[in-house]
């Protein structure tokens, strides 16, 4: 176990973290929205889901674990060393490049009808509709990045952290389907891509 697990970040970790986030945004925006634009104008898109999946109910409160991904990005700053954050940056960049290529080659479409939510959760779903693209599905980048970060942080600490972060990953992965943003193959392929990147670029012990 890393003795620096969950400690206040020093200057080296801040620099590594800012580099990680900068690389993420440099690659994420052109790849994610570019692939979404190409897919929206593609002559054909693919439905990578079983007909039965369209009967999975919409669970509005699952929007909270879905949106918790944004807080997950802060965890490396407190759990990982500067060197490990640099490796996480390599993992995430490679994930974006590979996923971006797949999204361009295999533009997909959702099997779910547009979500109709009223009341407390309506503003959140309206915002989600405006921000997310309906075609960037396989693999799920939402799941891939959650897995890279949560599994990376979990392996550096005691068992109760591993269980907690593992449960968070399961809940967040389920939420991508239960808020009708992804299908099961998207989740499986996103998790698989993250596991492969972790094998290619292991975080190490320090």
N, C-alpha and C. Protein backbone atom coordinates (compact mmCIF):
# COMPACT_ATOMS: atom_id res chain seq x y z
N UNK A 1 0.85 -1.20 0.00
CA UNK A 1 0.00 0.00 0.00
C UNK A 1 0.88 1.24 0.00
N UNK A 2 0.49 2.19 -0.80
CA UNK A 2 1.23 3.46 -0.87
C UNK A 2 1.06 4.23 0.43
N UNK A 3 2.17 4.58 1.07
CA UNK A 3 2.08 5.29 2.35
C UNK A 3 1.54 6.70 2.18
N UNK A 4 1.57 7.24 0.96
CA UNK A 4 1.05 8.58 0.71
C UNK A 4 -0.42 8.55 0.34
N UNK A 5 -1.09 7.41 0.51
CA UNK A 5 -2.48 7.27 0.09
C UNK A 5 -3.36 8.28 0.82
N UNK A 6 -4.13 9.02 0.04
CA UNK A 6 -5.05 10.03 0.53
C UNK A 6 -4.34 11.06 1.41
N UNK A 7 -3.48 11.81 0.80
CA UNK A 7 -2.80 12.90 1.49
C UNK A 7 -2.96 14.18 0.68
N UNK A 8 -2.74 15.30 1.35
CA UNK A 8 -2.89 16.59 0.66
C UNK A 8 -1.81 16.69 -0.41
N UNK A 9 -2.17 17.08 -1.64
CA UNK A 9 -1.20 17.08 -2.75
C UNK A 9 -0.11 18.14 -2.58
N UNK A 10 1.11 17.73 -2.93
CA UNK A 10 2.22 18.68 -2.93
C UNK A 10 2.34 19.31 -4.33
N UNK A 11 3.35 20.13 -4.53
CA UNK A 11 3.50 20.85 -5.79
C UNK A 11 3.70 19.90 -6.97
N UNK A 12 4.45 18.82 -6.74
CA UNK A 12 4.71 17.87 -7.83
C UNK A 12 3.42 17.20 -8.29
N UNK A 13 2.56 16.85 -7.34
CA UNK A 13 1.28 16.23 -7.71
C UNK A 13 0.36 17.23 -8.41
N UNK A 14 0.38 18.46 -7.95
CA UNK A 14 -0.43 19.47 -8.64
C UNK A 14 0.01 19.63 -10.09
N UNK A 15 1.32 19.68 -10.32
CA UNK A 15 1.81 19.83 -11.69
C UNK A 15 1.40 18.63 -12.54
N UNK A 16 1.55 17.43 -11.99
CA UNK A 16 1.18 16.23 -12.73
C UNK A 16 -0.32 16.20 -13.01
N UNK A 17 -1.11 16.62 -12.03
CA UNK A 17 -2.56 16.62 -12.19
C UNK A 17 -3.00 17.62 -13.25
N UNK A 18 -2.44 18.81 -13.23
CA UNK A 18 -2.79 19.83 -14.23
C UNK A 18 -2.38 19.39 -15.63
N UNK A 19 -1.24 18.70 -15.73
CA UNK A 19 -0.82 18.16 -17.01
C UNK A 19 -1.81 17.08 -17.48
N UNK A 20 -2.22 16.22 -16.57
CA UNK A 20 -3.20 15.17 -16.87
C UNK A 20 -4.49 15.78 -17.40
N UNK A 21 -5.03 16.78 -16.72
CA UNK A 21 -6.27 17.39 -17.15
C UNK A 21 -6.11 18.14 -18.46
N UNK A 22 -4.97 18.80 -18.65
CA UNK A 22 -4.73 19.52 -19.90
C UNK A 22 -4.70 18.55 -21.09
N UNK A 23 -3.98 17.45 -20.93
CA UNK A 23 -3.93 16.45 -22.00
C UNK A 23 -5.32 15.88 -22.27
N UNK A 24 -6.07 15.65 -21.21
CA UNK A 24 -7.42 15.11 -21.38
C UNK A 24 -8.28 16.04 -22.23
N UNK A 25 -8.29 17.31 -21.91
CA UNK A 25 -9.15 18.24 -22.64
C UNK A 25 -8.65 18.48 -24.07
N UNK A 26 -7.34 18.49 -24.26
CA UNK A 26 -6.79 18.68 -25.60
C UNK A 26 -7.28 17.58 -26.54
N UNK A 27 -7.34 16.35 -26.04
CA UNK A 27 -7.76 15.24 -26.90
C UNK A 27 -9.27 14.99 -26.84
N UNK A 28 -9.89 15.24 -25.68
CA UNK A 28 -11.29 14.88 -25.52
C UNK A 28 -12.21 15.68 -26.43
N UNK A 29 -12.10 16.99 -26.40
CA UNK A 29 -13.06 17.81 -27.14
C UNK A 29 -13.06 17.54 -28.64
N UNK A 30 -11.91 17.56 -29.32
CA UNK A 30 -11.96 17.28 -30.76
C UNK A 30 -12.38 15.86 -31.09
N UNK A 31 -11.93 14.88 -30.29
CA UNK A 31 -12.28 13.49 -30.58
C UNK A 31 -13.74 13.19 -30.28
N UNK A 32 -14.21 13.59 -29.11
CA UNK A 32 -15.58 13.27 -28.71
C UNK A 32 -16.61 14.00 -29.57
N UNK A 33 -16.47 15.31 -29.65
CA UNK A 33 -17.46 16.07 -30.41
C UNK A 33 -17.25 15.93 -31.91
N UNK A 34 -15.99 15.73 -32.33
CA UNK A 34 -15.75 15.47 -33.75
C UNK A 34 -16.38 14.17 -34.20
N UNK A 35 -16.21 13.11 -33.39
CA UNK A 35 -16.82 11.83 -33.72
C UNK A 35 -18.34 11.93 -33.70
N UNK A 36 -18.87 12.70 -32.75
CA UNK A 36 -20.32 12.89 -32.69
C UNK A 36 -20.85 13.61 -33.92
N UNK A 37 -20.09 14.60 -34.39
CA UNK A 37 -20.51 15.33 -35.60
C UNK A 37 -20.49 14.43 -36.82
N UNK A 38 -19.41 13.66 -36.97
CA UNK A 38 -19.31 12.74 -38.11
C UNK A 38 -20.45 11.73 -38.08
N UNK A 39 -20.73 11.17 -36.88
CA UNK A 39 -21.79 10.17 -36.76
C UNK A 39 -23.16 10.77 -37.10
N UNK A 40 -23.37 12.01 -36.68
CA UNK A 40 -24.67 12.65 -36.94
C UNK A 40 -24.91 12.84 -38.43
N UNK A 41 -23.85 12.87 -39.24
CA UNK A 41 -23.99 13.07 -40.68
C UNK A 41 -23.64 11.80 -41.47
N UNK A 42 -23.49 10.69 -40.75
CA UNK A 42 -23.16 9.43 -41.41
C UNK A 42 -24.39 8.86 -42.11
N UNK A 43 -24.21 8.23 -43.28
CA UNK A 43 -25.36 7.64 -43.97
C UNK A 43 -25.97 6.47 -43.22
N UNK A 44 -25.18 5.85 -42.34
CA UNK A 44 -25.68 4.71 -41.57
C UNK A 44 -25.06 4.69 -40.18
N UNK A 45 -25.86 4.40 -39.19
CA UNK A 45 -25.36 4.18 -37.83
C UNK A 45 -25.81 2.79 -37.38
N UNK A 46 -25.15 2.28 -36.35
CA UNK A 46 -25.38 0.91 -35.93
C UNK A 46 -26.07 0.87 -34.57
N UNK A 47 -26.89 -0.14 -34.39
CA UNK A 47 -27.56 -0.36 -33.12
C UNK A 47 -26.93 -1.54 -32.40
N UNK A 48 -26.00 -1.27 -31.51
CA UNK A 48 -25.28 -2.33 -30.81
C UNK A 48 -26.01 -2.68 -29.51
N UNK A 49 -27.20 -3.20 -29.63
CA UNK A 49 -27.99 -3.55 -28.46
C UNK A 49 -29.01 -4.62 -28.84
N UNK A 50 -29.43 -5.39 -27.84
CA UNK A 50 -30.48 -6.36 -28.06
C UNK A 50 -31.84 -5.69 -27.96
N UNK A 51 -32.83 -6.23 -28.65
CA UNK A 51 -34.16 -5.63 -28.62
C UNK A 51 -34.71 -5.56 -27.20
N UNK A 52 -34.36 -6.54 -26.37
CA UNK A 52 -34.86 -6.56 -24.99
C UNK A 52 -34.31 -5.41 -24.16
N UNK A 53 -33.15 -4.89 -24.55
CA UNK A 53 -32.56 -3.78 -23.77
C UNK A 53 -33.43 -2.52 -23.83
N UNK A 54 -34.22 -2.41 -24.87
CA UNK A 54 -35.05 -1.22 -25.00
C UNK A 54 -36.14 -1.17 -23.93
N UNK A 55 -36.34 -2.30 -23.24
CA UNK A 55 -37.35 -2.36 -22.17
C UNK A 55 -36.75 -2.03 -20.80
N UNK A 56 -35.44 -1.78 -20.74
CA UNK A 56 -34.84 -1.40 -19.46
C UNK A 56 -35.43 -0.06 -19.03
N UNK A 57 -35.95 0.03 -17.82
CA UNK A 57 -36.63 1.26 -17.40
C UNK A 57 -35.66 2.42 -17.18
N UNK A 58 -36.18 3.60 -17.35
CA UNK A 58 -35.44 4.82 -17.01
C UNK A 58 -35.59 5.05 -15.50
N UNK A 59 -34.46 5.26 -14.83
CA UNK A 59 -34.47 5.48 -13.38
C UNK A 59 -33.89 6.88 -13.13
N UNK A 60 -34.73 7.89 -13.00
CA UNK A 60 -34.23 9.27 -12.96
C UNK A 60 -33.19 9.55 -11.88
N UNK A 61 -33.34 8.97 -10.67
CA UNK A 61 -32.40 9.31 -9.60
C UNK A 61 -30.99 8.82 -9.89
N UNK A 62 -30.84 7.89 -10.85
CA UNK A 62 -29.51 7.41 -11.20
C UNK A 62 -28.69 8.46 -11.93
N UNK A 63 -29.29 9.61 -12.20
CA UNK A 63 -28.53 10.71 -12.78
C UNK A 63 -27.43 11.18 -11.82
N UNK A 64 -27.63 10.98 -10.51
CA UNK A 64 -26.62 11.42 -9.54
C UNK A 64 -25.34 10.59 -9.63
N UNK A 65 -25.40 9.26 -9.58
CA UNK A 65 -24.15 8.52 -9.80
C UNK A 65 -23.57 8.73 -11.18
N UNK A 66 -24.43 8.97 -12.18
CA UNK A 66 -23.93 9.24 -13.53
C UNK A 66 -23.09 10.51 -13.54
N UNK A 67 -23.59 11.57 -12.93
CA UNK A 67 -22.88 12.85 -12.92
C UNK A 67 -21.69 12.86 -11.95
N UNK A 68 -21.61 11.86 -11.08
CA UNK A 68 -20.50 11.82 -10.13
C UNK A 68 -19.15 11.60 -10.82
N UNK A 69 -19.16 11.27 -12.10
CA UNK A 69 -17.89 11.12 -12.82
C UNK A 69 -17.04 12.38 -12.71
N UNK A 70 -17.69 13.53 -12.68
CA UNK A 70 -16.93 14.78 -12.67
C UNK A 70 -16.15 14.94 -11.37
N UNK A 71 -16.68 14.42 -10.28
CA UNK A 71 -15.92 14.46 -9.02
C UNK A 71 -14.84 13.40 -9.00
N UNK A 72 -15.02 12.31 -9.73
CA UNK A 72 -14.03 11.24 -9.79
C UNK A 72 -12.69 11.76 -10.31
N UNK A 73 -12.73 12.72 -11.22
CA UNK A 73 -11.50 13.25 -11.81
C UNK A 73 -10.61 13.94 -10.78
N UNK A 74 -11.15 14.29 -9.62
CA UNK A 74 -10.34 14.93 -8.59
C UNK A 74 -9.57 13.91 -7.74
N UNK A 75 -10.00 12.66 -7.75
CA UNK A 75 -9.43 11.66 -6.84
C UNK A 75 -7.93 11.43 -7.03
N UNK A 76 -7.40 11.37 -8.27
CA UNK A 76 -5.96 11.13 -8.41
C UNK A 76 -5.10 12.15 -7.69
N UNK A 77 -5.59 13.36 -7.58
CA UNK A 77 -4.84 14.41 -6.91
C UNK A 77 -4.56 14.06 -5.45
N UNK A 78 -5.45 13.29 -4.83
CA UNK A 78 -5.31 12.98 -3.42
C UNK A 78 -4.82 11.55 -3.15
N UNK A 79 -4.92 10.68 -4.16
CA UNK A 79 -4.58 9.28 -3.95
C UNK A 79 -3.29 8.83 -4.62
N UNK A 80 -2.92 9.44 -5.73
CA UNK A 80 -1.80 8.94 -6.53
C UNK A 80 -0.59 9.86 -6.41
N UNK A 81 0.57 9.27 -6.62
CA UNK A 81 1.80 10.06 -6.65
C UNK A 81 1.89 10.80 -7.99
N UNK A 82 2.82 11.74 -8.09
CA UNK A 82 3.01 12.48 -9.33
C UNK A 82 3.33 11.53 -10.48
N UNK A 83 4.18 10.53 -10.21
CA UNK A 83 4.54 9.56 -11.24
C UNK A 83 3.32 8.77 -11.69
N UNK A 84 2.47 8.36 -10.75
CA UNK A 84 1.28 7.60 -11.09
C UNK A 84 0.28 8.44 -11.87
N UNK A 85 0.18 9.71 -11.54
CA UNK A 85 -0.72 10.59 -12.30
C UNK A 85 -0.21 10.74 -13.73
N UNK A 86 1.10 10.80 -13.91
CA UNK A 86 1.66 10.85 -15.27
C UNK A 86 1.30 9.59 -16.05
N UNK A 87 1.33 8.44 -15.39
CA UNK A 87 0.97 7.19 -16.05
C UNK A 87 -0.53 7.17 -16.36
N UNK A 88 -1.33 7.68 -15.43
CA UNK A 88 -2.77 7.80 -15.68
C UNK A 88 -3.03 8.67 -16.90
N UNK A 89 -2.24 9.71 -17.09
CA UNK A 89 -2.38 10.57 -18.26
C UNK A 89 -2.12 9.78 -19.55
N UNK A 90 -1.13 8.88 -19.51
CA UNK A 90 -0.87 8.03 -20.68
C UNK A 90 -2.04 7.09 -20.92
N UNK A 91 -2.54 6.49 -19.85
CA UNK A 91 -3.69 5.60 -19.98
C UNK A 91 -4.88 6.32 -20.62
N UNK A 92 -5.18 7.51 -20.13
CA UNK A 92 -6.35 8.24 -20.60
C UNK A 92 -6.18 8.73 -22.03
N UNK A 93 -4.97 9.17 -22.38
CA UNK A 93 -4.73 9.63 -23.75
C UNK A 93 -4.86 8.48 -24.74
N UNK A 94 -4.27 7.34 -24.40
CA UNK A 94 -4.39 6.17 -25.27
C UNK A 94 -5.85 5.72 -25.38
N UNK A 95 -6.57 5.78 -24.27
CA UNK A 95 -7.99 5.41 -24.28
C UNK A 95 -8.78 6.32 -25.21
N UNK A 96 -8.52 7.62 -25.13
CA UNK A 96 -9.23 8.56 -26.00
C UNK A 96 -8.92 8.32 -27.48
N UNK A 97 -7.65 8.08 -27.80
CA UNK A 97 -7.27 7.87 -29.19
C UNK A 97 -7.91 6.61 -29.75
N UNK A 98 -7.87 5.53 -28.98
CA UNK A 98 -8.45 4.27 -29.45
C UNK A 98 -9.97 4.38 -29.54
N UNK A 99 -10.59 4.89 -28.49
CA UNK A 99 -12.04 5.03 -28.49
C UNK A 99 -12.50 5.98 -29.60
N UNK A 100 -11.76 7.07 -29.81
CA UNK A 100 -12.12 8.00 -30.87
C UNK A 100 -12.12 7.34 -32.23
N UNK A 101 -11.12 6.49 -32.48
CA UNK A 101 -11.07 5.76 -33.75
C UNK A 101 -12.25 4.83 -33.91
N UNK A 102 -12.63 4.13 -32.82
CA UNK A 102 -13.77 3.21 -32.87
C UNK A 102 -15.07 3.98 -33.10
N UNK A 103 -15.22 5.10 -32.41
CA UNK A 103 -16.43 5.90 -32.56
C UNK A 103 -16.59 6.42 -33.98
N UNK A 104 -15.46 6.75 -34.63
CA UNK A 104 -15.52 7.22 -36.01
C UNK A 104 -15.84 6.08 -36.97
N UNK A 105 -15.27 4.91 -36.71
CA UNK A 105 -15.48 3.77 -37.61
C UNK A 105 -16.84 3.12 -37.44
N UNK A 106 -17.36 3.16 -36.22
CA UNK A 106 -18.61 2.47 -35.91
C UNK A 106 -19.60 3.43 -35.24
N UNK A 107 -20.08 4.42 -35.98
CA UNK A 107 -21.06 5.34 -35.38
C UNK A 107 -22.33 4.58 -35.01
N UNK A 108 -22.79 4.80 -33.80
CA UNK A 108 -23.92 4.03 -33.28
C UNK A 108 -25.10 4.95 -32.97
N UNK A 109 -26.23 4.33 -32.67
CA UNK A 109 -27.39 5.10 -32.22
C UNK A 109 -28.03 4.39 -31.03
N UNK A 110 -28.67 5.16 -30.20
CA UNK A 110 -29.35 4.63 -29.02
C UNK A 110 -30.63 3.92 -29.40
N UNK A 111 -30.94 2.87 -28.65
CA UNK A 111 -32.21 2.19 -28.86
C UNK A 111 -33.32 2.77 -28.02
N UNK A 112 -32.96 3.59 -27.04
CA UNK A 112 -33.97 4.19 -26.16
C UNK A 112 -34.62 5.40 -26.81
N UNK A 113 -35.88 5.59 -26.51
CA UNK A 113 -36.56 6.81 -26.93
C UNK A 113 -36.02 7.97 -26.10
N UNK A 114 -36.11 9.20 -26.60
CA UNK A 114 -35.65 10.35 -25.81
C UNK A 114 -36.28 10.37 -24.43
N UNK A 115 -35.45 10.61 -23.41
CA UNK A 115 -35.93 10.59 -22.03
C UNK A 115 -36.94 11.71 -21.79
N UNK A 116 -38.06 11.35 -21.18
CA UNK A 116 -39.07 12.34 -20.82
C UNK A 116 -39.17 12.36 -19.30
N UNK A 117 -38.52 13.33 -18.71
CA UNK A 117 -38.45 13.44 -17.26
C UNK A 117 -39.03 14.79 -16.84
N UNK A 118 -39.87 14.77 -15.85
CA UNK A 118 -40.45 16.01 -15.33
C UNK A 118 -40.13 16.10 -13.84
N UNK A 119 -40.25 17.29 -13.32
CA UNK A 119 -40.03 17.47 -11.90
C UNK A 119 -38.59 17.77 -11.55
N UNK A 120 -38.16 17.24 -10.41
CA UNK A 120 -36.85 17.55 -9.84
C UNK A 120 -35.69 17.30 -10.79
N UNK A 121 -35.76 16.21 -11.54
CA UNK A 121 -34.63 15.80 -12.37
C UNK A 121 -34.66 16.36 -13.79
N UNK A 122 -35.72 17.04 -14.15
CA UNK A 122 -35.85 17.53 -15.52
C UNK A 122 -34.71 18.44 -15.94
N UNK A 123 -34.30 19.44 -15.13
CA UNK A 123 -33.18 20.31 -15.57
C UNK A 123 -31.89 19.53 -15.82
N UNK A 124 -31.63 18.51 -15.01
CA UNK A 124 -30.41 17.72 -15.18
C UNK A 124 -30.46 16.93 -16.48
N UNK A 125 -31.60 16.34 -16.78
CA UNK A 125 -31.72 15.57 -18.03
C UNK A 125 -31.72 16.50 -19.24
N UNK A 126 -32.30 17.68 -19.09
CA UNK A 126 -32.25 18.65 -20.19
C UNK A 126 -30.80 19.07 -20.48
N UNK A 127 -30.03 19.29 -19.43
CA UNK A 127 -28.61 19.64 -19.60
C UNK A 127 -27.86 18.49 -20.24
N UNK A 128 -28.15 17.28 -19.81
CA UNK A 128 -27.48 16.10 -20.36
C UNK A 128 -27.77 15.98 -21.85
N UNK A 129 -29.00 16.24 -22.25
CA UNK A 129 -29.37 16.17 -23.66
C UNK A 129 -28.60 17.19 -24.50
N UNK A 130 -28.36 18.36 -23.93
CA UNK A 130 -27.65 19.41 -24.66
C UNK A 130 -26.16 19.13 -24.78
N UNK A 131 -25.57 18.46 -23.78
CA UNK A 131 -24.12 18.26 -23.74
C UNK A 131 -23.70 16.97 -24.42
N UNK A 132 -24.36 15.86 -24.09
CA UNK A 132 -23.97 14.56 -24.63
C UNK A 132 -24.39 14.44 -26.09
N UNK A 133 -23.58 13.67 -26.85
CA UNK A 133 -23.97 13.36 -28.22
C UNK A 133 -24.66 12.00 -28.22
N UNK A 134 -25.63 11.78 -29.09
CA UNK A 134 -26.39 10.52 -29.07
C UNK A 134 -25.71 9.37 -29.81
N UNK A 135 -24.51 9.59 -30.34
CA UNK A 135 -23.86 8.57 -31.17
C UNK A 135 -22.56 8.02 -30.59
N UNK A 136 -21.94 8.72 -29.66
CA UNK A 136 -20.67 8.25 -29.09
C UNK A 136 -20.94 7.22 -28.00
N UNK A 137 -21.15 5.98 -28.43
CA UNK A 137 -21.66 4.97 -27.52
C UNK A 137 -20.67 3.84 -27.23
N UNK A 138 -20.09 3.25 -28.27
CA UNK A 138 -19.23 2.07 -28.12
C UNK A 138 -17.79 2.43 -28.45
N UNK A 139 -16.87 2.38 -27.48
CA UNK A 139 -17.05 2.06 -26.06
C UNK A 139 -17.50 3.28 -25.27
N UNK A 140 -18.05 3.03 -24.10
CA UNK A 140 -18.47 4.14 -23.24
C UNK A 140 -17.25 4.80 -22.62
N UNK A 141 -16.99 6.04 -22.98
CA UNK A 141 -15.90 6.78 -22.36
C UNK A 141 -16.22 7.10 -20.90
N UNK A 142 -17.50 7.24 -20.60
CA UNK A 142 -17.92 7.48 -19.23
C UNK A 142 -17.42 6.35 -18.33
N UNK A 143 -17.65 5.12 -18.77
CA UNK A 143 -17.24 3.95 -17.99
C UNK A 143 -15.72 3.79 -18.04
N UNK A 144 -15.12 4.01 -19.19
CA UNK A 144 -13.68 3.82 -19.33
C UNK A 144 -12.90 4.73 -18.38
N UNK A 145 -13.26 6.01 -18.32
CA UNK A 145 -12.53 6.93 -17.45
C UNK A 145 -12.85 6.68 -15.98
N UNK A 146 -14.09 6.33 -15.69
CA UNK A 146 -14.42 5.98 -14.30
C UNK A 146 -13.58 4.79 -13.86
N UNK A 147 -13.43 3.80 -14.73
CA UNK A 147 -12.66 2.60 -14.39
C UNK A 147 -11.18 2.91 -14.23
N UNK A 148 -10.62 3.69 -15.15
CA UNK A 148 -9.20 4.03 -15.04
C UNK A 148 -8.89 4.70 -13.71
N UNK A 149 -9.71 5.65 -13.32
CA UNK A 149 -9.43 6.43 -12.12
C UNK A 149 -9.79 5.66 -10.85
N UNK A 150 -11.00 5.10 -10.80
CA UNK A 150 -11.43 4.44 -9.57
C UNK A 150 -10.62 3.18 -9.29
N UNK A 151 -10.35 2.38 -10.31
CA UNK A 151 -9.54 1.18 -10.10
C UNK A 151 -8.11 1.55 -9.75
N UNK A 152 -7.60 2.60 -10.40
CA UNK A 152 -6.24 3.05 -10.10
C UNK A 152 -6.11 3.52 -8.66
N UNK A 153 -7.07 4.29 -8.18
CA UNK A 153 -7.03 4.77 -6.80
C UNK A 153 -7.28 3.62 -5.82
N UNK A 154 -8.18 2.70 -6.18
CA UNK A 154 -8.52 1.61 -5.29
C UNK A 154 -7.34 0.69 -5.03
N UNK A 155 -6.53 0.44 -6.04
CA UNK A 155 -5.43 -0.52 -5.89
C UNK A 155 -4.30 0.03 -5.03
N UNK A 156 -4.28 1.32 -4.79
CA UNK A 156 -3.20 1.91 -4.02
C UNK A 156 -3.50 1.96 -2.52
N UNK A 157 -4.73 1.61 -2.12
CA UNK A 157 -5.09 1.80 -0.73
C UNK A 157 -5.57 0.53 -0.04
N UNK A 158 -6.06 0.66 1.18
CA UNK A 158 -6.54 -0.49 1.95
C UNK A 158 -7.82 -1.07 1.35
N UNK A 159 -8.19 -2.25 1.85
CA UNK A 159 -9.29 -3.01 1.26
C UNK A 159 -10.61 -2.25 1.29
N UNK A 160 -10.88 -1.51 2.35
CA UNK A 160 -12.18 -0.83 2.42
C UNK A 160 -12.30 0.26 1.36
N UNK A 161 -11.16 0.87 0.98
CA UNK A 161 -11.19 1.83 -0.13
C UNK A 161 -11.49 1.09 -1.43
N UNK A 162 -10.87 -0.07 -1.63
CA UNK A 162 -11.08 -0.84 -2.84
C UNK A 162 -12.54 -1.23 -3.00
N UNK A 163 -13.16 -1.69 -1.90
CA UNK A 163 -14.58 -2.04 -1.96
C UNK A 163 -15.44 -0.83 -2.26
N UNK A 164 -15.13 0.28 -1.62
CA UNK A 164 -15.92 1.49 -1.84
C UNK A 164 -15.82 2.01 -3.26
N UNK A 165 -14.60 2.07 -3.78
CA UNK A 165 -14.43 2.57 -5.14
C UNK A 165 -14.93 1.56 -6.17
N UNK A 166 -14.81 0.27 -5.86
CA UNK A 166 -15.37 -0.74 -6.74
C UNK A 166 -16.88 -0.63 -6.82
N UNK A 167 -17.52 -0.41 -5.66
CA UNK A 167 -18.97 -0.22 -5.66
C UNK A 167 -19.39 1.03 -6.40
N UNK A 168 -18.60 2.08 -6.27
CA UNK A 168 -18.88 3.33 -6.99
C UNK A 168 -18.82 3.08 -8.50
N UNK A 169 -17.83 2.32 -8.94
CA UNK A 169 -17.70 2.01 -10.37
C UNK A 169 -18.89 1.21 -10.87
N UNK A 170 -19.32 0.21 -10.10
CA UNK A 170 -20.47 -0.59 -10.49
C UNK A 170 -21.71 0.28 -10.60
N UNK A 171 -21.93 1.14 -9.61
CA UNK A 171 -23.11 2.00 -9.60
C UNK A 171 -23.06 2.98 -10.77
N UNK A 172 -21.91 3.57 -11.02
CA UNK A 172 -21.81 4.52 -12.12
C UNK A 172 -22.00 3.83 -13.47
N UNK A 173 -21.44 2.63 -13.62
CA UNK A 173 -21.61 1.89 -14.87
C UNK A 173 -23.08 1.55 -15.11
N UNK A 174 -23.76 1.12 -14.05
CA UNK A 174 -25.19 0.82 -14.17
C UNK A 174 -25.98 2.08 -14.52
N UNK A 175 -25.56 3.21 -13.97
CA UNK A 175 -26.29 4.46 -14.20
C UNK A 175 -26.28 4.86 -15.67
N UNK A 176 -25.20 4.53 -16.40
CA UNK A 176 -25.14 4.92 -17.81
C UNK A 176 -26.25 4.26 -18.62
N UNK A 177 -26.67 3.07 -18.19
CA UNK A 177 -27.78 2.37 -18.85
C UNK A 177 -29.11 2.84 -18.30
N UNK A 178 -29.19 3.03 -17.00
CA UNK A 178 -30.46 3.36 -16.35
C UNK A 178 -30.90 4.81 -16.55
N UNK A 179 -30.00 5.66 -17.03
CA UNK A 179 -30.43 7.00 -17.46
C UNK A 179 -30.53 7.05 -18.99
N UNK A 180 -30.43 5.88 -19.62
CA UNK A 180 -30.64 5.72 -21.07
C UNK A 180 -29.64 6.50 -21.90
N UNK A 181 -28.37 6.48 -21.46
CA UNK A 181 -27.30 7.10 -22.24
C UNK A 181 -26.42 6.06 -22.93
N UNK A 182 -26.50 4.81 -22.49
CA UNK A 182 -25.68 3.75 -23.06
C UNK A 182 -26.42 2.42 -23.01
N UNK A 183 -25.87 1.45 -23.76
CA UNK A 183 -26.34 0.07 -23.70
C UNK A 183 -25.25 -0.81 -23.08
N UNK A 184 -25.59 -2.08 -22.87
CA UNK A 184 -24.70 -2.97 -22.14
C UNK A 184 -23.36 -3.18 -22.85
N UNK A 185 -23.37 -3.30 -24.18
CA UNK A 185 -22.11 -3.48 -24.89
C UNK A 185 -21.21 -2.26 -24.73
N UNK A 186 -21.79 -1.09 -24.65
CA UNK A 186 -21.01 0.13 -24.43
C UNK A 186 -20.27 0.05 -23.10
N UNK A 187 -20.99 -0.40 -22.08
CA UNK A 187 -20.40 -0.50 -20.74
C UNK A 187 -19.28 -1.54 -20.72
N UNK A 188 -19.56 -2.71 -21.29
CA UNK A 188 -18.57 -3.80 -21.29
C UNK A 188 -17.33 -3.40 -22.06
N UNK A 189 -17.51 -2.78 -23.22
CA UNK A 189 -16.35 -2.39 -24.04
C UNK A 189 -15.57 -1.26 -23.38
N UNK A 190 -16.25 -0.34 -22.72
CA UNK A 190 -15.55 0.74 -22.00
C UNK A 190 -14.72 0.19 -20.86
N UNK A 191 -15.29 -0.74 -20.11
CA UNK A 191 -14.55 -1.36 -19.01
C UNK A 191 -13.38 -2.18 -19.55
N UNK A 192 -13.62 -2.92 -20.64
CA UNK A 192 -12.55 -3.73 -21.23
C UNK A 192 -11.40 -2.87 -21.72
N UNK A 193 -11.71 -1.74 -22.34
CA UNK A 193 -10.66 -0.85 -22.84
C UNK A 193 -9.83 -0.31 -21.68
N UNK A 194 -10.49 0.05 -20.59
CA UNK A 194 -9.76 0.56 -19.42
C UNK A 194 -8.84 -0.51 -18.85
N UNK A 195 -9.31 -1.74 -18.77
CA UNK A 195 -8.49 -2.82 -18.22
C UNK A 195 -7.27 -3.07 -19.10
N UNK A 196 -7.45 -3.02 -20.41
CA UNK A 196 -6.33 -3.20 -21.33
C UNK A 196 -5.30 -2.09 -21.15
N UNK A 197 -5.76 -0.85 -21.05
CA UNK A 197 -4.83 0.27 -20.86
C UNK A 197 -4.09 0.17 -19.53
N UNK A 198 -4.76 -0.36 -18.52
CA UNK A 198 -4.09 -0.54 -17.23
C UNK A 198 -3.02 -1.63 -17.29
N UNK A 199 -3.24 -2.60 -18.16
CA UNK A 199 -2.22 -3.64 -18.35
C UNK A 199 -1.04 -3.09 -19.12
N UNK A 200 -1.30 -2.29 -20.13
CA UNK A 200 -0.22 -1.75 -20.96
C UNK A 200 0.59 -0.69 -20.19
N UNK A 201 -0.13 0.14 -19.41
CA UNK A 201 0.52 1.21 -18.64
C UNK A 201 0.21 1.01 -17.15
N UNK A 202 0.83 0.05 -16.48
CA UNK A 202 0.54 -0.17 -15.06
C UNK A 202 1.02 1.01 -14.21
N UNK A 203 0.24 1.31 -13.17
CA UNK A 203 0.57 2.46 -12.32
C UNK A 203 1.84 2.24 -11.51
N UNK A 204 2.12 1.02 -11.13
CA UNK A 204 3.30 0.78 -10.31
C UNK A 204 3.04 1.12 -8.86
N UNK A 205 4.08 1.13 -8.07
CA UNK A 205 3.93 1.27 -6.61
C UNK A 205 4.30 2.64 -6.08
N UNK A 206 4.77 3.54 -6.93
CA UNK A 206 5.15 4.85 -6.40
C UNK A 206 5.02 5.92 -7.47
